[in-house]
Amino acid sequence: MELEQAQKLWQPHPGWLNTASYGLPPDPAWDALQEALAGWRAGTASWESWSTATDRSRAAFAQLTGVPVADVAVGVNVSQLLAPIAAALPAGARVVVPEVEFTSNLFPWLVQRERGVEVRTVPLADLATSIDAGTDLVAFSLVQSANGAVAAYDEIVAAARAHGALVVVDATQACGWLPFDAARADAVVVGGYKWLMGPRGTAFAYLAPQLRERLRPDAAGWYAGQDPHGSYYGPPLRLADDARRFDISPAWFSWVGAAPTLELLLEIGVSAVHAHDVALANRFLTGLGQPPGDSAIVTVQVAGAQEKLERAGVRAAVRAGNVRASFHLYSTQDDVDLALDALTS
């Protein structure tokens, strides 16, 4: 599907430039969610029909990221999916993380300090060169939430492989607009409510088979069973052989809203979304006299930005005078120009 055709399936009010906070649903997702909610309200729907949306979402995510569906676990958020990896680190392990990393990919490692796990933070630009023979794991966001900086994925992975370190990537701010090969890492976690435009309460983890061998599924329940519908009651332990053993029972309605969006994103193609998003981000930067970049998330400093944007009806993140604007497939040149007019007036 052509991106311009697909844009008609979204209904944003002009001026939404904050996908880095949350993404907007297309009509098929909105309609599916309303139908599910109506069935819930009246008691006329089967929960099994809602649950199948989780399988659809898992399959679409695997295709988006180029990994086998058997290597994908589903959960609620990033830190929950990272927890078994952090818990499996040996006492005294050494972890390297960027110094401005979003805490969902920082706190899981820091809470292991009582076991002697050492966490060292370094500038993002120095991450690859900071990996050495004493590094057990490197964790980083593929795209930084704070400023949209894109990590040197290839360089970091190469350095980690050279020293035998595990690679854990938070792709929440990348997956959906930035093409990348998830299988190059040992684990890739993604919150589904931003650039994947699903409801909050959806998250994915690619877990490489060799990594899964080290992990214990402490949160295992019926949904992690080899046959979930045959795992309702009683022993013995009978977990799935693949990444599903790390699943947690899905929040049904969140996944009902996620599946149609992921499938639509596959139809459009991430490469087309990438070209569109970065072009709009660079139009915004150029309009403010800044050099172009390579990210769909940009930050600029403009005096009085909060008031200027609010008067114009533009919704973007503003923190300490810094505007963080994020552009996705439903964003338009008119949205960019509306923001530029507000900030330069």
Protein backbone atom coordinates (compact mmCIF):
# COMPACT_ATOMS: atom_id res chain seq x y z
CA MET A 1 0.00 0.00 0.00
CA GLU A 2 1.27 3.46 -0.89
CA LEU A 3 1.94 5.68 2.11
CA GLU A 4 -0.19 8.54 0.75
CA GLN A 5 -3.13 6.15 0.42
CA ALA A 6 -2.57 4.74 3.89
CA GLN A 7 -2.53 8.21 5.48
CA LYS A 8 -6.29 8.45 4.84
CA LEU A 9 -6.75 5.73 7.48
CA TRP A 10 -5.50 8.05 10.26
CA GLN A 11 -7.49 10.93 11.71
CA PRO A 12 -5.04 13.17 13.59
CA HIS A 13 -6.00 16.69 14.55
CA PRO A 14 -3.48 19.01 12.83
CA GLY A 15 -0.31 19.65 14.79
CA TRP A 16 0.36 16.25 16.38
CA LEU A 17 4.17 16.04 16.53
CA ASN A 18 4.59 13.81 19.58
CA THR A 19 4.70 10.17 18.46
CA ALA A 20 7.78 9.76 20.66
CA SER A 21 5.26 9.98 23.53
CA TYR A 22 2.51 7.89 21.92
CA GLY A 23 1.42 6.90 18.45
CA LEU A 24 -2.03 7.31 16.91
CA PRO A 25 -4.20 4.41 15.72
CA PRO A 26 -5.48 3.92 12.17
CA ASP A 27 -9.18 3.37 11.52
CA PRO A 28 -8.95 -0.46 11.31
CA ALA A 29 -7.40 -0.61 14.78
CA TRP A 30 -9.86 1.87 16.26
CA ASP A 31 -12.81 0.00 14.75
CA ALA A 32 -11.55 -3.40 15.97
CA LEU A 33 -11.13 -2.03 19.47
CA GLN A 34 -14.62 -0.50 19.52
CA GLU A 35 -16.11 -3.80 18.38
CA ALA A 36 -14.26 -5.69 21.12
CA LEU A 37 -15.33 -3.21 23.77
CA ALA A 38 -18.95 -3.46 22.63
CA GLY A 39 -18.75 -7.26 22.87
CA TRP A 40 -17.26 -7.00 26.35
CA ARG A 41 -19.95 -4.58 27.48
CA ALA A 42 -22.76 -6.83 26.29
CA GLY A 43 -21.11 -10.17 27.05
CA THR A 44 -21.60 -11.27 23.46
CA ALA A 45 -17.96 -11.87 22.49
CA SER A 46 -15.58 -14.74 23.18
CA TRP A 47 -12.29 -13.85 24.83
CA GLU A 48 -10.55 -16.38 22.60
CA SER A 49 -11.27 -14.13 19.61
CA TRP A 50 -9.57 -11.24 21.41
CA SER A 51 -6.63 -13.44 22.33
CA THR A 52 -5.88 -14.36 18.71
CA ALA A 53 -4.89 -10.72 18.12
CA THR A 54 -1.78 -11.42 20.22
CA ASP A 55 -0.66 -14.15 17.81
CA ARG A 56 -1.29 -11.84 14.84
CA SER A 57 0.73 -9.09 16.49
CA ARG A 58 3.61 -11.42 17.29
CA ALA A 59 3.76 -12.65 13.71
CA ALA A 60 3.68 -9.12 12.29
CA PHE A 61 6.40 -7.93 14.68
CA ALA A 62 8.62 -10.86 13.71
CA GLN A 63 8.20 -9.97 10.05
CA LEU A 64 8.86 -6.27 10.69
CA THR A 65 12.13 -7.01 12.50
CA GLY A 66 13.30 -9.97 10.40
CA VAL A 67 13.36 -12.61 13.13
CA PRO A 68 11.66 -16.02 13.51
CA VAL A 69 8.28 -15.80 15.17
CA ALA A 70 9.38 -18.54 17.58
CA ASP A 71 11.97 -16.12 18.98
CA VAL A 72 9.43 -13.42 19.94
CA ALA A 73 7.92 -13.07 23.41
CA VAL A 74 5.09 -10.69 24.26
CA GLY A 75 4.57 -8.67 27.39
CA VAL A 76 3.37 -5.39 28.81
CA ASN A 77 6.41 -3.10 28.83
CA VAL A 78 10.13 -2.96 28.19
CA SER A 79 11.43 -3.29 31.74
CA GLN A 80 9.28 -6.37 32.38
CA LEU A 81 10.75 -8.09 29.33
CA LEU A 82 14.30 -7.11 30.32
CA ALA A 83 13.95 -8.37 33.89
CA PRO A 84 14.81 -12.05 33.24
CA ILE A 85 17.91 -11.01 31.28
CA ALA A 86 19.12 -8.81 34.12
CA ALA A 87 18.34 -11.48 36.71
CA ALA A 88 20.39 -14.02 34.75
CA LEU A 89 23.59 -11.96 34.85
CA PRO A 90 26.22 -13.63 37.01
CA ALA A 91 27.28 -11.92 40.21
CA GLY A 92 29.98 -9.39 39.42
CA ALA A 93 28.96 -8.98 35.76
CA ARG A 94 29.79 -5.70 34.04
CA VAL A 95 27.22 -3.77 32.01
CA VAL A 96 27.83 -0.72 29.81
CA VAL A 97 24.95 1.67 29.09
CA PRO A 98 24.72 5.18 27.55
CA GLU A 99 24.67 7.91 30.16
CA VAL A 100 21.32 9.41 29.05
CA GLU A 101 19.55 6.09 28.56
CA PHE A 102 15.80 5.91 29.25
CA THR A 103 15.44 4.26 32.63
CA SER A 104 13.34 1.30 31.41
CA ASN A 105 16.64 0.07 29.95
CA LEU A 106 18.73 1.22 32.91
CA PHE A 107 16.93 0.38 36.14
CA PRO A 108 16.70 -3.38 35.37
CA TRP A 109 20.51 -3.48 35.38
CA LEU A 110 20.97 -1.11 38.32
CA VAL A 111 18.75 -3.16 40.64
CA GLN A 112 21.21 -6.03 40.25
CA ARG A 113 23.94 -4.03 42.02
CA GLU A 114 23.25 -5.80 45.30
CA ARG A 115 24.59 -8.95 43.60
CA GLY A 116 27.73 -7.11 42.58
CA VAL A 117 26.65 -6.30 39.01
CA GLU A 118 28.56 -3.22 37.90
CA VAL A 119 26.83 -0.71 35.63
CA ARG A 120 28.99 1.84 33.84
CA THR A 121 27.47 4.75 31.91
CA VAL A 122 29.34 6.41 29.05
CA PRO A 123 28.51 8.94 26.33
CA LEU A 124 26.53 7.34 23.51
CA ALA A 125 29.23 8.30 21.00
CA ASP A 126 31.79 6.38 23.06
CA LEU A 127 29.71 3.26 23.60
CA ALA A 128 31.44 1.01 21.03
CA THR A 129 34.94 1.97 22.15
CA SER A 130 33.98 1.50 25.82
CA ILE A 131 33.30 -2.23 25.35
CA ASP A 132 36.29 -4.27 26.42
CA ALA A 133 37.26 -7.74 27.58
CA GLY A 134 35.66 -7.10 30.96
CA THR A 135 32.24 -6.23 29.49
CA ASP A 136 29.53 -8.87 29.87
CA LEU A 137 26.62 -6.95 28.37
CA VAL A 138 25.99 -3.71 26.51
CA ALA A 139 22.50 -2.23 26.62
CA PHE A 140 21.33 0.80 24.64
CA SER A 141 18.42 2.41 22.84
CA LEU A 142 18.67 2.21 19.08
CA VAL A 143 17.18 5.72 19.00
CA GLN A 144 17.43 7.87 22.11
CA SER A 145 14.16 9.11 23.60
CA ALA A 146 15.67 12.35 24.87
CA ASN A 147 17.00 13.75 21.61
CA GLY A 148 16.46 11.26 18.77
CA ALA A 149 20.12 10.31 18.43
CA VAL A 150 20.55 7.13 16.39
CA ALA A 151 23.05 4.70 17.89
CA ALA A 152 25.91 3.26 15.80
CA TYR A 153 24.28 -0.18 15.79
CA ASP A 154 26.79 -1.93 13.53
CA GLU A 155 29.81 -0.58 15.40
CA ILE A 156 28.41 -1.44 18.82
CA VAL A 157 27.46 -4.97 17.79
CA ALA A 158 30.90 -5.53 16.21
CA ALA A 159 32.67 -4.36 19.37
CA ALA A 160 30.48 -6.55 21.56
CA ARG A 161 31.07 -9.62 19.41
CA ALA A 162 34.82 -8.99 19.45
CA HIS A 163 34.79 -9.14 23.26
CA GLY A 164 32.09 -11.78 23.80
CA ALA A 165 29.57 -9.36 25.31
CA LEU A 166 25.81 -9.71 25.02
CA VAL A 167 23.90 -7.02 23.07
CA VAL A 168 20.53 -5.83 24.39
CA VAL A 169 18.68 -3.16 22.41
CA ASP A 170 15.66 -1.06 23.31
CA ALA A 171 14.13 -0.24 19.91
CA THR A 172 10.99 1.42 21.26
CA GLN A 173 11.83 4.75 19.63
CA ALA A 174 13.01 3.11 16.38
CA CYS A 175 10.84 0.14 15.47
CA GLY A 176 8.17 1.29 13.03
CA TRP A 177 10.21 3.95 11.24
CA LEU A 178 13.86 2.84 11.24
CA PRO A 179 14.78 -0.33 9.32
CA PHE A 180 17.21 -2.54 11.27
CA ASP A 181 18.16 -6.20 11.65
CA ALA A 182 17.03 -7.29 15.10
CA ALA A 183 18.70 -10.69 14.76
CA ARG A 184 22.14 -9.08 15.04
CA ALA A 185 21.47 -8.49 18.76
CA ASP A 186 20.90 -11.04 21.51
CA ALA A 187 17.73 -9.29 22.64
CA VAL A 188 15.61 -6.49 21.21
CA VAL A 189 12.74 -5.09 23.26
CA VAL A 190 10.06 -2.74 21.95
CA GLY A 191 7.18 -0.94 23.62
CA GLY A 192 4.31 -1.10 21.14
CA TYR A 193 2.48 2.14 21.89
CA LYS A 194 4.81 4.62 20.22
CA TRP A 195 6.01 4.13 16.63
CA LEU A 196 4.12 0.82 16.31
CA MET A 197 0.98 2.84 17.16
CA GLY A 198 -0.68 0.21 19.34
CA PRO A 199 -2.42 0.78 22.68
CA ARG A 200 -0.29 1.00 25.80
CA GLY A 201 0.16 -2.42 27.36
CA THR A 202 1.76 -4.09 24.34
CA ALA A 203 5.46 -4.93 24.18
CA PHE A 204 7.68 -7.38 22.30
CA ALA A 205 11.03 -9.03 22.87
CA TYR A 206 13.22 -10.80 20.37
CA LEU A 207 15.16 -13.33 22.46
CA ALA A 208 17.89 -15.23 20.63
CA PRO A 209 17.85 -19.00 21.33
CA GLN A 210 21.35 -18.98 22.82
CA LEU A 211 20.31 -16.22 25.23
CA ARG A 212 17.09 -17.97 26.25
CA GLU A 213 19.12 -20.93 27.47
CA ARG A 214 20.52 -18.67 30.22
CA LEU A 215 17.17 -17.27 31.36
CA ARG A 216 14.56 -18.45 33.82
CA PRO A 217 10.91 -17.54 33.10
CA ASP A 218 10.03 -16.42 36.62
CA ALA A 219 6.75 -14.82 35.50
CA ALA A 220 5.50 -17.96 33.73
CA GLY A 221 1.77 -18.59 33.86
CA TRP A 222 -0.79 -20.44 31.77
CA TYR A 223 -0.06 -18.33 28.68
CA ALA A 224 3.58 -19.46 28.71
CA GLY A 225 2.52 -23.08 28.46
CA GLN A 226 3.33 -25.31 25.52
CA ASP A 227 -0.44 -25.54 25.04
CA PRO A 228 -1.87 -22.48 26.78
CA HIS A 229 -5.41 -23.82 26.75
CA GLY A 230 -4.17 -27.06 28.30
CA SER A 231 -2.23 -25.24 31.01
CA TYR A 232 -5.05 -23.88 33.15
CA TYR A 233 -4.72 -26.22 36.14
CA GLY A 234 -2.24 -28.37 38.00
CA PRO A 235 1.29 -29.72 37.50
CA PRO A 236 3.57 -30.72 35.95
CA LEU A 237 5.40 -27.68 34.61
CA ARG A 238 4.85 -27.67 30.84
CA LEU A 239 6.23 -24.50 29.31
CA ALA A 240 6.66 -23.65 25.64
CA ASP A 241 9.98 -24.65 24.12
CA ASP A 242 10.46 -21.31 22.35
CA ALA A 243 10.32 -17.64 23.37
CA ARG A 244 6.67 -18.00 24.35
CA ARG A 245 7.80 -19.36 27.72
CA PHE A 246 8.54 -15.71 28.57
CA ASP A 247 5.05 -14.49 27.57
CA ILE A 248 2.70 -13.08 30.14
CA SER A 249 -1.06 -13.30 29.80
CA PRO A 250 -2.08 -10.57 27.33
CA ALA A 251 -4.22 -7.53 28.08
CA TRP A 252 -6.77 -8.49 25.44
CA PHE A 253 -8.01 -5.12 24.23
CA SER A 254 -4.53 -3.66 23.85
CA TRP A 255 -3.63 -6.46 21.45
CA VAL A 256 -6.93 -6.15 19.57
CA GLY A 257 -5.87 -2.58 18.77
CA ALA A 258 -2.27 -3.52 17.99
CA ALA A 259 -2.72 -6.28 15.42
CA PRO A 260 -4.43 -4.29 12.61
CA THR A 261 -1.88 -1.47 12.93
CA LEU A 262 1.13 -3.78 12.71
CA GLU A 263 -0.33 -5.55 9.69
CA LEU A 264 -0.99 -2.20 8.02
CA LEU A 265 2.56 -1.08 8.76
CA LEU A 266 3.81 -4.20 6.99
CA GLU A 267 1.73 -3.33 3.94
CA ILE A 268 3.17 0.18 3.80
CA GLY A 269 6.76 -0.88 4.47
CA VAL A 270 9.14 0.56 7.05
CA SER A 271 11.50 1.89 4.36
CA ALA A 272 8.74 4.12 2.98
CA VAL A 273 7.86 5.31 6.48
CA HIS A 274 11.52 6.04 7.19
CA ALA A 275 11.90 8.21 4.09
CA HIS A 276 8.71 10.12 4.90
CA ASP A 277 9.44 10.68 8.59
CA VAL A 278 13.06 11.80 8.19
CA ALA A 279 12.14 14.15 5.32
CA LEU A 280 9.61 15.92 7.54
CA ALA A 281 12.05 16.08 10.45
CA ASN A 282 14.64 17.67 8.19
CA ARG A 283 12.10 20.15 6.81
CA PHE A 284 11.50 21.18 10.42
CA LEU A 285 15.22 21.50 11.19
CA THR A 286 15.95 23.44 8.02
CA GLY A 287 13.11 25.82 8.79
CA LEU A 288 14.79 26.65 12.09
CA GLY A 289 18.22 27.11 10.53
CA GLN A 290 19.54 23.76 11.77
CA PRO A 291 21.47 21.16 9.75
CA PRO A 292 19.52 18.09 8.62
CA GLY A 293 19.81 14.82 10.51
CA ASP A 294 19.00 11.13 10.23
CA SER A 295 16.21 10.76 12.79
CA ALA A 296 12.43 11.10 12.99
CA ILE A 297 12.91 12.66 16.45
CA VAL A 298 14.59 16.06 16.69
CA THR A 299 15.27 18.53 19.48
CA VAL A 300 15.74 22.28 19.20
CA GLN A 301 15.93 25.10 21.70
CA VAL A 302 13.49 27.96 21.15
CA ALA A 303 12.68 30.67 23.67
CA GLY A 304 9.05 30.58 24.82
CA ALA A 305 8.45 27.37 22.90
CA GLN A 306 5.74 26.00 25.22
CA GLU A 307 3.50 29.06 24.90
CA LYS A 308 4.10 29.48 21.17
CA LEU A 309 3.20 25.89 20.36
CA GLU A 310 0.16 25.87 22.64
CA ARG A 311 -1.24 29.02 21.00
CA ALA A 312 -0.91 27.37 17.58
CA GLY A 313 -2.41 24.06 18.72
CA VAL A 314 0.80 22.14 18.11
CA ARG A 315 1.41 19.18 20.41
CA ALA A 316 5.08 18.37 20.94
CA ALA A 317 7.17 17.64 24.01
CA VAL A 318 8.80 20.70 25.58
CA ARG A 319 11.25 20.24 28.42
CA ALA A 320 13.45 23.00 29.86
CA GLY A 321 12.94 25.08 26.74
CA ASN A 322 13.89 22.23 24.39
CA VAL A 323 11.30 21.21 21.83
CA ARG A 324 11.25 17.50 21.01
CA ALA A 325 9.29 17.05 17.81
CA SER A 326 8.62 13.61 16.34
CA PHE A 327 7.24 12.89 12.89
CA HIS A 328 5.47 9.73 11.76
CA LEU A 329 3.60 8.46 8.74
CA TYR A 330 0.43 10.45 9.53
CA SER A 331 2.43 13.69 9.86
CA THR A 332 2.29 16.14 6.95
CA GLN A 333 4.16 19.14 5.62
CA ASP A 334 1.28 21.26 6.90
CA ASP A 335 1.98 19.98 10.43
CA VAL A 336 5.64 20.95 10.05
CA ASP A 337 4.82 24.40 8.70
CA LEU A 338 2.28 25.00 11.46
CA ALA A 339 4.99 24.32 14.03
CA LEU A 340 7.56 26.42 12.20
CA ASP A 341 5.18 29.39 11.95
CA ALA A 342 4.50 29.12 15.69
CA LEU A 343 8.14 28.90 16.71
CA THR A 344 9.45 31.63 14.40
CA SER A 345 6.66 34.16 14.97
